């Protein structure tokens, strides 16, 4: 992966972090994500963050599909390395989404199995 690709991934992570108003290490700001931050209600919900992530995975997959179709048609400027990079991005994004889903299901099952 080139430095440009790494910078692009880092900027995407930073923009998602800025959208969710999370500061510091993971878990350090759980109160602000779950409810309020400094007395102000937080406008970002878990559902909106999850939907944004799913939309991003969908966008990456559509981009990869489009790049593959352009390569198959012989569009100038679309080369095999770019097709392979886009396919790998799509694969990694999908595997990440599946892992998040698995963790959410596991957390739900843990909560449901708690004694009341």
N, C-alpha and C. Protein backbone atom coordinates (compact mmCIF):
# COMPACT_ATOMS: atom_id res chain seq x y z
N UNK A 1 0.85 -1.17 0.00
CA UNK A 1 0.00 0.00 0.00
C UNK A 1 0.90 1.23 0.00
N UNK A 2 0.58 2.16 -0.87
CA UNK A 2 1.41 3.35 -0.99
C UNK A 2 1.12 4.35 0.13
N UNK A 3 1.99 5.31 0.26
CA UNK A 3 1.83 6.34 1.28
C UNK A 3 0.56 7.14 1.07
N UNK A 4 0.19 7.36 -0.20
CA UNK A 4 -1.04 8.11 -0.51
C UNK A 4 -2.26 7.35 -0.01
N UNK A 5 -2.28 6.04 -0.22
CA UNK A 5 -3.40 5.22 0.24
C UNK A 5 -3.48 5.22 1.77
N UNK A 6 -2.35 5.13 2.42
CA UNK A 6 -2.32 5.14 3.88
C UNK A 6 -2.83 6.48 4.40
N UNK A 7 -2.40 7.57 3.78
CA UNK A 7 -2.87 8.90 4.18
C UNK A 7 -4.37 9.03 3.98
N UNK A 8 -4.89 8.46 2.90
CA UNK A 8 -6.33 8.53 2.63
C UNK A 8 -7.12 7.76 3.70
N UNK A 9 -6.63 6.58 4.08
CA UNK A 9 -7.29 5.79 5.11
C UNK A 9 -7.25 6.53 6.45
N UNK A 10 -6.10 7.10 6.77
CA UNK A 10 -5.99 7.86 8.03
C UNK A 10 -6.92 9.07 8.05
N UNK A 11 -7.04 9.75 6.93
CA UNK A 11 -7.94 10.91 6.89
C UNK A 11 -9.40 10.47 7.03
N UNK A 12 -9.75 9.31 6.47
CA UNK A 12 -11.10 8.78 6.64
C UNK A 12 -11.38 8.46 8.11
N UNK A 13 -10.42 7.83 8.76
CA UNK A 13 -10.57 7.50 10.18
C UNK A 13 -10.71 8.78 11.01
N UNK A 14 -9.90 9.78 10.69
CA UNK A 14 -9.99 11.05 11.43
C UNK A 14 -11.32 11.75 11.21
N UNK A 15 -11.87 11.68 10.00
CA UNK A 15 -13.15 12.34 9.74
C UNK A 15 -14.27 11.61 10.46
N UNK A 16 -14.22 10.28 10.53
CA UNK A 16 -15.23 9.53 11.28
C UNK A 16 -15.12 9.85 12.76
N UNK A 17 -13.90 9.96 13.26
CA UNK A 17 -13.69 10.31 14.66
C UNK A 17 -14.25 11.70 14.96
N UNK A 18 -14.03 12.64 14.05
CA UNK A 18 -14.54 13.99 14.25
C UNK A 18 -16.07 14.02 14.21
N UNK A 19 -16.67 13.20 13.37
CA UNK A 19 -18.13 13.15 13.27
C UNK A 19 -18.76 12.59 14.54
N UNK A 20 -18.07 11.65 15.19
CA UNK A 20 -18.63 11.03 16.38
C UNK A 20 -18.24 11.77 17.65
N UNK A 21 -17.42 12.80 17.56
CA UNK A 21 -16.98 13.61 18.70
C UNK A 21 -16.27 12.78 19.76
N UNK A 22 -15.55 11.77 19.36
CA UNK A 22 -14.80 10.93 20.29
C UNK A 22 -13.39 11.48 20.39
N UNK A 23 -12.92 11.70 21.62
CA UNK A 23 -11.57 12.20 21.82
C UNK A 23 -10.81 11.23 22.70
N UNK A 24 -9.52 11.12 22.47
CA UNK A 24 -8.68 10.29 23.32
C UNK A 24 -8.76 8.83 22.94
N UNK A 25 -8.23 7.96 23.83
CA UNK A 25 -8.20 6.54 23.54
C UNK A 25 -9.60 5.94 23.53
N UNK A 26 -9.72 4.78 22.92
CA UNK A 26 -11.01 4.10 22.83
C UNK A 26 -11.53 3.83 24.23
N UNK A 27 -12.80 4.17 24.45
CA UNK A 27 -13.43 3.93 25.73
C UNK A 27 -13.25 5.05 26.73
N UNK A 28 -12.38 6.00 26.47
CA UNK A 28 -12.12 7.07 27.42
C UNK A 28 -13.26 8.06 27.48
N UNK A 29 -14.06 8.12 26.45
CA UNK A 29 -15.12 9.12 26.37
C UNK A 29 -16.48 8.47 26.21
N UNK A 30 -16.69 7.34 26.83
CA UNK A 30 -17.92 6.58 26.63
C UNK A 30 -19.14 7.38 27.06
N UNK A 31 -19.04 8.15 28.10
CA UNK A 31 -20.18 8.94 28.56
C UNK A 31 -20.69 9.91 27.51
N UNK A 32 -19.78 10.53 26.77
CA UNK A 32 -20.22 11.49 25.76
C UNK A 32 -20.85 10.79 24.57
N UNK A 33 -20.41 9.59 24.26
CA UNK A 33 -21.01 8.87 23.15
C UNK A 33 -22.37 8.34 23.55
N UNK A 34 -22.49 7.85 24.78
CA UNK A 34 -23.75 7.25 25.22
C UNK A 34 -24.78 8.28 25.61
N UNK A 35 -24.40 9.44 26.03
CA UNK A 35 -25.40 10.37 26.52
C UNK A 35 -25.02 11.81 26.33
N UNK A 36 -24.36 12.40 27.34
CA UNK A 36 -24.07 13.82 27.27
C UNK A 36 -22.58 14.07 27.36
N UNK A 37 -22.18 15.20 26.82
CA UNK A 37 -20.79 15.64 26.91
C UNK A 37 -20.80 17.05 27.46
N UNK A 38 -20.28 17.22 28.65
CA UNK A 38 -20.20 18.53 29.31
C UNK A 38 -21.58 19.16 29.43
N UNK A 39 -22.60 18.34 29.73
CA UNK A 39 -23.95 18.86 29.95
C UNK A 39 -24.76 19.07 28.68
N UNK A 40 -24.15 18.92 27.51
CA UNK A 40 -24.89 19.10 26.26
C UNK A 40 -25.29 17.74 25.71
N UNK A 41 -26.50 17.61 25.20
CA UNK A 41 -26.87 16.33 24.60
C UNK A 41 -26.05 16.08 23.33
N UNK A 42 -25.68 14.85 23.15
CA UNK A 42 -24.90 14.46 21.98
C UNK A 42 -25.85 14.11 20.85
N UNK A 43 -25.63 14.67 19.67
CA UNK A 43 -26.53 14.45 18.55
C UNK A 43 -26.16 13.23 17.72
N UNK A 44 -25.07 12.56 18.02
CA UNK A 44 -24.65 11.40 17.26
C UNK A 44 -25.15 10.14 17.96
N UNK A 45 -25.90 9.34 17.25
CA UNK A 45 -26.41 8.11 17.83
C UNK A 45 -25.62 6.91 17.29
N UNK A 46 -25.71 5.83 18.01
CA UNK A 46 -25.04 4.60 17.58
C UNK A 46 -25.58 4.17 16.22
N UNK A 47 -26.88 4.29 16.03
CA UNK A 47 -27.50 3.87 14.77
C UNK A 47 -26.96 4.69 13.60
N UNK A 48 -26.78 5.99 13.80
CA UNK A 48 -26.28 6.82 12.70
C UNK A 48 -24.82 6.50 12.38
N UNK A 49 -24.02 6.20 13.39
CA UNK A 49 -22.62 5.82 13.15
C UNK A 49 -22.57 4.48 12.43
N UNK A 50 -23.42 3.54 12.85
CA UNK A 50 -23.47 2.23 12.22
C UNK A 50 -23.93 2.34 10.76
N UNK A 51 -24.95 3.14 10.53
CA UNK A 51 -25.45 3.34 9.17
C UNK A 51 -24.38 4.00 8.30
N UNK A 52 -23.68 4.97 8.85
CA UNK A 52 -22.59 5.61 8.11
C UNK A 52 -21.50 4.63 7.72
N UNK A 53 -21.17 3.73 8.64
CA UNK A 53 -20.17 2.71 8.35
C UNK A 53 -20.62 1.76 7.25
N UNK A 54 -21.88 1.35 7.32
CA UNK A 54 -22.43 0.45 6.30
C UNK A 54 -22.48 1.15 4.95
N UNK A 55 -22.87 2.42 4.95
CA UNK A 55 -22.89 3.19 3.70
C UNK A 55 -21.49 3.32 3.11
N UNK A 56 -20.48 3.48 3.97
CA UNK A 56 -19.10 3.59 3.49
C UNK A 56 -18.63 2.26 2.88
N UNK A 57 -18.98 1.14 3.51
CA UNK A 57 -18.64 -0.17 2.96
C UNK A 57 -19.30 -0.34 1.60
N UNK A 58 -20.56 0.06 1.50
CA UNK A 58 -21.28 -0.03 0.23
C UNK A 58 -20.61 0.83 -0.85
N UNK A 59 -20.19 2.03 -0.47
CA UNK A 59 -19.53 2.93 -1.42
C UNK A 59 -18.23 2.32 -1.93
N UNK A 60 -17.44 1.73 -1.03
CA UNK A 60 -16.17 1.11 -1.41
C UNK A 60 -16.42 -0.07 -2.34
N UNK A 61 -17.46 -0.86 -2.05
CA UNK A 61 -17.76 -2.00 -2.91
C UNK A 61 -18.23 -1.55 -4.29
N UNK A 62 -19.03 -0.50 -4.35
CA UNK A 62 -19.48 0.01 -5.64
C UNK A 62 -18.31 0.58 -6.44
N UNK A 63 -17.39 1.25 -5.77
CA UNK A 63 -16.21 1.77 -6.45
C UNK A 63 -15.39 0.64 -7.04
N UNK A 64 -15.20 -0.43 -6.27
CA UNK A 64 -14.44 -1.58 -6.75
C UNK A 64 -15.14 -2.22 -7.95
N UNK A 65 -16.45 -2.37 -7.84
CA UNK A 65 -17.21 -2.96 -8.95
C UNK A 65 -17.08 -2.11 -10.20
N UNK A 66 -17.16 -0.79 -10.04
CA UNK A 66 -17.04 0.12 -11.17
C UNK A 66 -15.65 0.04 -11.80
N UNK A 67 -14.62 -0.03 -10.97
CA UNK A 67 -13.25 -0.13 -11.48
C UNK A 67 -13.05 -1.42 -12.25
N UNK A 68 -13.61 -2.52 -11.74
CA UNK A 68 -13.50 -3.81 -12.43
C UNK A 68 -14.19 -3.74 -13.79
N UNK A 69 -15.39 -3.16 -13.83
CA UNK A 69 -16.13 -3.06 -15.09
C UNK A 69 -15.37 -2.19 -16.10
N UNK A 70 -14.78 -1.10 -15.63
CA UNK A 70 -14.00 -0.24 -16.53
C UNK A 70 -12.80 -1.00 -17.09
N UNK A 71 -12.12 -1.77 -16.22
CA UNK A 71 -10.97 -2.54 -16.67
C UNK A 71 -11.38 -3.58 -17.70
N UNK A 72 -12.52 -4.26 -17.44
CA UNK A 72 -13.00 -5.29 -18.37
C UNK A 72 -13.35 -4.70 -19.74
N UNK A 73 -13.86 -3.46 -19.75
CA UNK A 73 -14.21 -2.80 -21.01
C UNK A 73 -12.99 -2.20 -21.70
N UNK A 74 -11.87 -2.14 -21.00
CA UNK A 74 -10.65 -1.60 -21.61
C UNK A 74 -10.58 -0.09 -21.60
N UNK A 75 -11.20 0.54 -20.61
CA UNK A 75 -11.16 2.00 -20.51
C UNK A 75 -9.72 2.43 -20.26
N UNK A 76 -9.22 3.40 -21.03
CA UNK A 76 -7.84 3.86 -20.82
C UNK A 76 -7.67 4.48 -19.42
N UNK A 77 -6.52 4.23 -18.84
CA UNK A 77 -6.21 4.81 -17.53
C UNK A 77 -6.57 3.91 -16.37
N UNK A 78 -7.25 2.80 -16.62
CA UNK A 78 -7.59 1.85 -15.55
C UNK A 78 -6.66 0.66 -15.72
N UNK A 79 -5.76 0.49 -14.75
CA UNK A 79 -4.79 -0.59 -14.86
C UNK A 79 -5.06 -1.66 -13.81
N UNK A 80 -4.46 -2.82 -14.00
CA UNK A 80 -4.68 -3.97 -13.12
C UNK A 80 -4.30 -3.70 -11.67
N UNK A 81 -3.19 -3.03 -11.37
CA UNK A 81 -2.88 -2.77 -9.95
C UNK A 81 -3.99 -1.96 -9.24
N UNK A 82 -4.57 -0.99 -9.94
CA UNK A 82 -5.65 -0.20 -9.33
C UNK A 82 -6.88 -1.08 -9.08
N UNK A 83 -7.17 -1.99 -10.00
CA UNK A 83 -8.30 -2.91 -9.83
C UNK A 83 -8.06 -3.79 -8.60
N UNK A 84 -6.85 -4.32 -8.47
CA UNK A 84 -6.54 -5.19 -7.34
C UNK A 84 -6.59 -4.43 -6.01
N UNK A 85 -6.13 -3.19 -6.00
CA UNK A 85 -6.17 -2.38 -4.78
C UNK A 85 -7.62 -2.12 -4.38
N UNK A 86 -8.46 -1.74 -5.35
CA UNK A 86 -9.86 -1.49 -5.04
C UNK A 86 -10.57 -2.75 -4.55
N UNK A 87 -10.25 -3.89 -5.14
CA UNK A 87 -10.86 -5.15 -4.70
C UNK A 87 -10.43 -5.50 -3.27
N UNK A 88 -9.17 -5.26 -2.95
CA UNK A 88 -8.70 -5.52 -1.59
C UNK A 88 -9.35 -4.58 -0.58
N UNK A 89 -9.50 -3.31 -0.96
CA UNK A 89 -10.18 -2.36 -0.07
C UNK A 89 -11.60 -2.83 0.20
N UNK A 90 -12.27 -3.29 -0.85
CA UNK A 90 -13.64 -3.78 -0.72
C UNK A 90 -13.69 -4.99 0.21
N UNK A 91 -12.76 -5.89 0.04
CA UNK A 91 -12.71 -7.10 0.86
C UNK A 91 -12.46 -6.76 2.33
N UNK A 92 -11.51 -5.88 2.57
CA UNK A 92 -11.18 -5.50 3.95
C UNK A 92 -12.36 -4.77 4.61
N UNK A 93 -13.00 -3.88 3.86
CA UNK A 93 -14.15 -3.15 4.41
C UNK A 93 -15.28 -4.11 4.76
N UNK A 94 -15.54 -5.09 3.89
CA UNK A 94 -16.62 -6.04 4.16
C UNK A 94 -16.29 -6.92 5.36
N UNK A 95 -15.05 -7.41 5.42
CA UNK A 95 -14.66 -8.23 6.57
C UNK A 95 -14.75 -7.44 7.87
N UNK A 96 -14.39 -6.15 7.82
CA UNK A 96 -14.52 -5.31 9.01
C UNK A 96 -15.97 -5.15 9.43
N UNK A 97 -16.86 -4.96 8.46
CA UNK A 97 -18.28 -4.82 8.77
C UNK A 97 -18.85 -6.11 9.36
N UNK A 98 -18.42 -7.24 8.84
CA UNK A 98 -18.88 -8.53 9.38
C UNK A 98 -18.37 -8.70 10.81
N UNK A 99 -17.14 -8.30 11.07
CA UNK A 99 -16.60 -8.41 12.42
C UNK A 99 -17.35 -7.51 13.40
N UNK A 100 -17.68 -6.30 12.98
CA UNK A 100 -18.47 -5.40 13.83
C UNK A 100 -19.82 -6.03 14.12
N UNK A 101 -20.45 -6.59 13.08
CA UNK A 101 -21.74 -7.26 13.28
C UNK A 101 -21.62 -8.39 14.29
N UNK A 102 -20.56 -9.20 14.17
CA UNK A 102 -20.36 -10.31 15.10
C UNK A 102 -20.19 -9.81 16.52
N UNK A 103 -19.47 -8.72 16.69
CA UNK A 103 -19.26 -8.17 18.04
C UNK A 103 -20.56 -7.62 18.63
N UNK A 104 -21.36 -6.97 17.79
CA UNK A 104 -22.64 -6.43 18.26
C UNK A 104 -23.56 -7.56 18.67
N UNK A 105 -23.63 -8.62 17.88
CA UNK A 105 -24.48 -9.77 18.21
C UNK A 105 -23.99 -10.42 19.50
N UNK A 106 -22.68 -10.55 19.65
CA UNK A 106 -22.13 -11.13 20.86
C UNK A 106 -22.46 -10.28 22.09
N UNK A 107 -22.34 -8.97 21.96
CA UNK A 107 -22.68 -8.08 23.08
C UNK A 107 -24.16 -8.19 23.42
N UNK A 108 -25.01 -8.26 22.40
CA UNK A 108 -26.45 -8.40 22.63
C UNK A 108 -26.74 -9.71 23.37
N UNK A 109 -26.11 -10.80 22.95
CA UNK A 109 -26.33 -12.08 23.62
C UNK A 109 -25.84 -12.05 25.06
N UNK A 110 -24.72 -11.38 25.31
CA UNK A 110 -24.23 -11.24 26.68
C UNK A 110 -25.20 -10.48 27.55
N UNK A 111 -25.77 -9.42 27.01
CA UNK A 111 -26.74 -8.62 27.77
C UNK A 111 -28.00 -9.43 28.03
N UNK A 112 -28.45 -10.16 27.03
CA UNK A 112 -29.67 -10.96 27.20
C UNK A 112 -29.49 -12.09 28.21
N UNK A 113 -28.26 -12.59 28.37
CA UNK A 113 -28.00 -13.68 29.30
C UNK A 113 -27.71 -13.21 30.72
N UNK A 114 -27.70 -11.89 30.93
CA UNK A 114 -27.46 -11.36 32.29
C UNK A 114 -28.68 -11.65 33.18
N UNK A 115 -28.42 -12.05 34.40
CA UNK A 115 -29.56 -12.25 35.31
C UNK A 115 -30.15 -10.91 35.74
N UNK A 116 -31.46 -10.89 35.84
CA UNK A 116 -32.14 -9.64 36.20
C UNK A 116 -32.44 -9.60 37.68
